[in-house]
Amino acid sequence: MSSSYVFPGGAADPGEDDLRVTAARELFEEAGVLICDRDMPAETIAPWRDKLNAGECSMNEILAQIGGGIELALDRLHYYAQWITPSVEKKRYTAVFYVAVLPAGQTPSMDNREAVDELWITPAQALERAGELRLPPPQVRTLWELGRVAERGIDAVITLANQHADHRHPIMPRLLPRGSTLTLMLPWDPEYESAGTGDLLTMPPAHPLAKGPSRFVLEDGTWQHIAAPTSPNGA
């Protein structure tokens, strides 16, 4: 996702069987935010983040050296979604997204290695700037969902995440090979099975996640999240 604005994240390291550990480590590496079981001022953890990014020590070694029995607060990372790259892509990933509250006393900051710019922005503001920020479909969809509850506060966001966790289902888009416009369909799109190409991972129409627009159309470099027409000819 070079040149795109995405959420902090990355690949799991050996031994990270719980992907929340991966999420916590990547968040610390890229954004300088440590999700742990106590308040940690930014100036205290910043040097440890530098050591981690320099490969001088592991996450476990950092926690041990900080001392005081500090641990990652994995229960503060709330499962939100899982996306799988469409099979039309040469490189494919399965990405799990989590929601967390920014710990008191910490301020996100880019690492200037994997992340070279940063924004702390509302879902509505991000979607208004989707083209400028080159937001990929998973980010657009997530921000669309969060925007429907974000104004009610963080508790509403976590409630939404918990609802998603109760009905986990991977989301794997499929390419719609029709016309010159690049179109991706989500699993609840009416043509997902019949007209899509590549691997498929179906979702029942009544599934709690199967709500809202079901397509992404790339227009002038911006992914538009739209509803499917009622029939292939748009009638």
Protein backbone atom coordinates (compact mmCIF):
# COMPACT_ATOMS: atom_id res chain seq x y z
CA MET A 1 0.00 0.00 0.00
CA SER A 2 2.82 2.37 -0.84
CA SER A 3 1.79 6.06 -0.80
CA SER A 4 -1.58 5.17 0.75
CA TYR A 5 -2.82 6.10 4.20
CA VAL A 6 -3.55 2.91 6.10
CA PHE A 7 -3.89 1.83 9.72
CA PRO A 8 -0.66 0.81 11.50
CA GLY A 9 0.10 -2.87 11.09
CA GLY A 10 2.29 -5.54 9.59
CA ALA A 11 3.22 -9.20 9.48
CA ALA A 12 3.23 -11.50 12.49
CA ASP A 13 6.63 -12.47 13.85
CA PRO A 14 7.47 -16.09 14.73
CA GLY A 15 5.85 -17.03 18.03
CA GLU A 16 3.10 -14.41 17.79
CA ASP A 17 0.26 -16.91 17.82
CA ASP A 18 -2.12 -14.29 19.23
CA LEU A 19 -2.51 -11.63 16.53
CA ARG A 20 -3.27 -9.06 19.21
CA VAL A 21 0.41 -9.33 20.16
CA THR A 22 1.33 -8.57 16.55
CA ALA A 23 -1.07 -5.62 16.52
CA ALA A 24 0.36 -4.23 19.77
CA ARG A 25 3.95 -4.59 18.57
CA GLU A 26 3.29 -3.05 15.15
CA LEU A 27 1.37 -0.18 16.75
CA PHE A 28 4.35 0.49 19.01
CA GLU A 29 6.86 0.23 16.16
CA GLU A 30 5.03 2.41 13.67
CA ALA A 31 2.98 4.80 15.80
CA GLY A 32 4.85 4.82 19.13
CA VAL A 33 1.73 3.79 21.06
CA LEU A 34 2.12 1.09 23.70
CA ILE A 35 -1.06 -0.72 24.74
CA CYS A 36 -0.06 -1.92 28.20
CA ASP A 37 -1.57 -2.49 31.62
CA ARG A 38 -0.60 0.89 33.11
CA ASP A 39 -0.16 4.52 32.12
CA MET A 40 3.15 5.11 30.39
CA PRO A 41 4.22 8.66 29.44
CA ALA A 42 5.38 9.08 25.86
CA GLU A 43 8.84 10.25 26.95
CA THR A 44 9.32 7.06 28.95
CA ILE A 45 8.55 4.62 26.16
CA ALA A 46 10.07 6.55 23.22
CA PRO A 47 13.66 5.26 23.76
CA TRP A 48 12.37 1.68 23.92
CA ARG A 49 10.52 2.12 20.68
CA ASP A 50 13.78 3.25 19.05
CA LYS A 51 15.54 0.12 20.36
CA LEU A 52 12.76 -2.10 19.01
CA ASN A 53 12.89 -0.50 15.57
CA ALA A 54 16.68 -0.78 15.52
CA GLY A 55 16.43 -4.50 16.19
CA GLU A 56 18.34 -4.19 19.46
CA CYS A 57 15.71 -6.07 21.47
CA SER A 58 12.38 -7.85 21.13
CA MET A 59 9.01 -6.74 22.46
CA ASN A 60 9.28 -9.20 25.33
CA GLU A 61 12.75 -7.95 26.21
CA ILE A 62 11.49 -4.37 26.21
CA LEU A 63 8.67 -5.21 28.61
CA ALA A 64 11.13 -7.02 30.87
CA GLN A 65 13.63 -4.13 30.83
CA ILE A 66 11.00 -1.49 31.52
CA GLY A 67 10.38 -3.46 34.69
CA GLY A 68 7.64 -3.49 37.27
CA GLY A 69 5.90 -6.48 35.75
CA ILE A 70 4.50 -4.46 32.86
CA GLU A 71 2.47 -6.45 30.33
CA LEU A 72 0.66 -5.84 27.09
CA ALA A 73 -3.03 -5.16 27.71
CA LEU A 74 -4.36 -7.43 24.99
CA ASP A 75 -7.90 -7.17 26.32
CA ARG A 76 -7.86 -3.51 25.23
CA LEU A 77 -7.48 -4.57 21.60
CA HIS A 78 -11.00 -5.28 20.35
CA TYR A 79 -11.39 -7.44 17.26
CA TYR A 80 -13.07 -5.50 14.46
CA ALA A 81 -12.69 -7.23 11.09
CA GLN A 82 -10.71 -9.61 8.92
CA TRP A 83 -9.98 -8.93 5.26
CA ILE A 84 -8.41 -11.25 2.69
CA THR A 85 -6.77 -9.94 -0.49
CA PRO A 86 -8.68 -10.86 -3.68
CA SER A 87 -7.11 -13.78 -5.54
CA VAL A 88 -6.56 -11.61 -8.63
CA GLU A 89 -3.64 -10.02 -6.77
CA LYS A 90 -0.21 -11.64 -6.99
CA LYS A 91 0.53 -10.92 -3.33
CA ARG A 92 -2.21 -11.87 -0.91
CA TYR A 93 -2.66 -11.21 2.79
CA THR A 94 -5.13 -11.88 5.54
CA ALA A 95 -5.38 -8.82 7.75
CA VAL A 96 -7.13 -8.65 11.11
CA PHE A 97 -8.18 -5.20 12.33
CA TYR A 98 -8.54 -4.14 15.96
CA VAL A 99 -9.96 -1.10 17.74
CA ALA A 100 -8.29 0.37 20.83
CA VAL A 101 -8.50 3.50 22.97
CA LEU A 102 -5.42 5.70 22.81
CA PRO A 103 -3.74 5.32 26.24
CA ALA A 104 -3.54 8.39 28.46
CA GLY A 105 -0.29 10.31 28.18
CA GLN A 106 0.66 8.90 24.79
CA THR A 107 0.75 10.67 21.43
CA PRO A 108 1.07 8.81 18.12
CA SER A 109 4.21 9.57 16.13
CA MET A 110 5.47 8.07 12.87
CA ASP A 111 8.61 5.98 12.77
CA ASN A 112 9.91 7.46 9.47
CA ARG A 113 10.66 3.96 8.27
CA GLU A 114 7.46 2.09 7.46
CA ALA A 115 5.27 5.12 8.11
CA VAL A 116 6.43 8.49 6.80
CA ASP A 117 3.36 10.59 7.50
CA GLU A 118 0.48 10.47 9.96
CA LEU A 119 -3.01 11.79 10.52
CA TRP A 120 -5.29 11.76 13.56
CA ILE A 121 -8.62 12.27 11.84
CA THR A 122 -12.32 11.51 12.19
CA PRO A 123 -13.91 8.91 9.90
CA ALA A 124 -16.00 11.58 8.17
CA GLN A 125 -12.98 13.77 7.51
CA ALA A 126 -10.99 10.82 6.16
CA LEU A 127 -13.74 9.81 3.74
CA GLU A 128 -14.03 13.38 2.47
CA ARG A 129 -10.32 13.18 1.63
CA ALA A 130 -10.34 9.57 0.38
CA GLY A 131 -8.79 10.44 -2.97
CA GLU A 132 -6.10 12.68 -1.54
CA LEU A 133 -5.22 10.04 1.07
CA ARG A 134 -5.44 7.19 -1.46
CA LEU A 135 -7.50 5.12 0.94
CA PRO A 136 -7.71 1.41 -0.03
CA PRO A 137 -11.08 -0.40 0.13
CA PRO A 138 -10.64 -1.93 3.63
CA GLN A 139 -9.91 1.52 5.06
CA VAL A 140 -12.83 3.09 3.20
CA ARG A 141 -15.23 0.41 4.42
CA THR A 142 -13.98 0.53 8.00
CA LEU A 143 -14.23 4.32 8.12
CA TRP A 144 -17.73 4.14 6.61
CA GLU A 145 -18.82 1.76 9.37
CA LEU A 146 -17.11 3.71 12.15
CA GLY A 147 -18.56 6.97 10.89
CA ARG A 148 -22.07 5.68 11.58
CA VAL A 149 -21.38 5.40 15.32
CA ALA A 150 -18.31 7.56 16.04
CA GLU A 151 -20.31 10.66 16.96
CA ARG A 152 -21.80 8.73 19.87
CA GLY A 153 -18.33 8.25 21.38
CA ILE A 154 -15.78 5.52 21.96
CA ASP A 155 -18.21 3.29 23.85
CA ALA A 156 -20.38 3.08 20.75
CA VAL A 157 -17.32 2.19 18.65
CA ILE A 158 -16.32 -0.60 21.04
CA THR A 159 -19.90 -1.87 21.10
CA LEU A 160 -19.78 -2.08 17.30
CA ALA A 161 -16.46 -3.94 17.49
CA ASN A 162 -17.94 -6.41 19.97
CA GLN A 163 -20.86 -7.01 17.63
CA HIS A 164 -18.42 -7.75 14.83
CA ALA A 165 -16.50 -10.12 17.11
CA ASP A 166 -19.70 -12.03 17.85
CA HIS A 167 -20.24 -12.60 14.13
CA ARG A 168 -16.73 -13.00 12.74
CA HIS A 169 -16.55 -13.63 9.02
CA PRO A 170 -13.60 -12.92 6.69
CA ILE A 171 -14.27 -10.42 3.93
CA MET A 172 -12.70 -11.32 0.58
CA PRO A 173 -13.65 -9.07 -2.35
CA ARG A 174 -13.98 -10.40 -5.87
CA LEU A 175 -13.24 -8.62 -9.14
CA LEU A 176 -16.17 -7.81 -11.43
CA PRO A 177 -14.72 -8.12 -14.97
CA ARG A 178 -17.17 -5.81 -16.70
CA GLY A 179 -16.33 -2.64 -18.56
CA SER A 180 -13.21 -0.54 -18.18
CA THR A 181 -13.85 0.56 -14.59
CA LEU A 182 -12.16 -1.47 -11.86
CA THR A 183 -14.91 -2.85 -9.61
CA LEU A 184 -14.58 -5.01 -6.50
CA MET A 185 -17.57 -6.75 -4.95
CA LEU A 186 -18.02 -7.60 -1.27
CA PRO A 187 -19.44 -11.00 -0.26
CA TRP A 188 -23.03 -9.73 0.08
CA ASP A 189 -23.13 -8.18 -3.38
CA PRO A 190 -25.93 -9.77 -5.48
CA GLU A 191 -23.41 -10.64 -8.23
CA TYR A 192 -20.56 -11.75 -5.96
CA GLU A 193 -20.99 -15.45 -6.78
CA SER A 194 -22.41 -15.28 -10.29
CA ALA A 195 -20.23 -12.62 -11.93
CA GLY A 196 -17.10 -12.31 -9.79
CA THR A 197 -13.76 -13.85 -10.69
CA GLY A 198 -11.27 -15.70 -8.50
CA ASP A 199 -11.62 -17.31 -5.10
CA LEU A 200 -14.83 -16.65 -3.27
CA LEU A 201 -15.85 -16.65 0.37
CA THR A 202 -19.59 -16.31 0.53
CA MET A 203 -21.57 -14.61 3.26
CA PRO A 204 -25.29 -15.15 3.88
CA PRO A 205 -27.35 -12.07 2.91
CA ALA A 206 -28.78 -11.99 6.43
CA HIS A 207 -25.35 -11.94 8.08
CA PRO A 208 -24.99 -8.98 10.50
CA LEU A 209 -21.92 -7.71 8.61
CA ALA A 210 -23.72 -7.76 5.25
CA LYS A 211 -24.99 -4.20 5.45
CA GLY A 212 -24.64 -1.11 3.33
CA PRO A 213 -22.87 -0.61 -0.01
CA SER A 214 -21.44 -3.79 -1.50
CA ARG A 215 -19.06 -2.49 -4.16
CA PHE A 216 -15.92 -0.44 -4.65
CA VAL A 217 -15.43 1.36 -7.94
CA LEU A 218 -12.13 3.06 -8.74
CA GLU A 219 -12.88 6.47 -10.23
CA ASP A 220 -10.09 8.98 -10.94
CA GLY A 221 -7.83 7.23 -8.44
CA THR A 222 -10.43 7.20 -5.64
CA TRP A 223 -12.24 4.12 -4.38
CA GLN A 224 -15.96 4.90 -4.27
CA HIS A 225 -18.03 2.73 -1.92
CA ILE A 226 -21.36 2.25 -3.69
CA ALA A 227 -24.45 0.07 -3.72
CA ALA A 228 -24.90 -2.51 -6.45
CA PRO A 229 -27.47 -1.82 -9.16
CA THR A 230 -30.61 -3.88 -8.89
CA SER A 231 -29.62 -5.74 -12.07
CA PRO A 232 -26.52 -5.96 -14.30
CA ASN A 233 -27.96 -3.33 -16.66
CA GLY A 234 -28.61 -0.93 -13.76
CA ALA A 235 -32.41 -1.11 -13.97
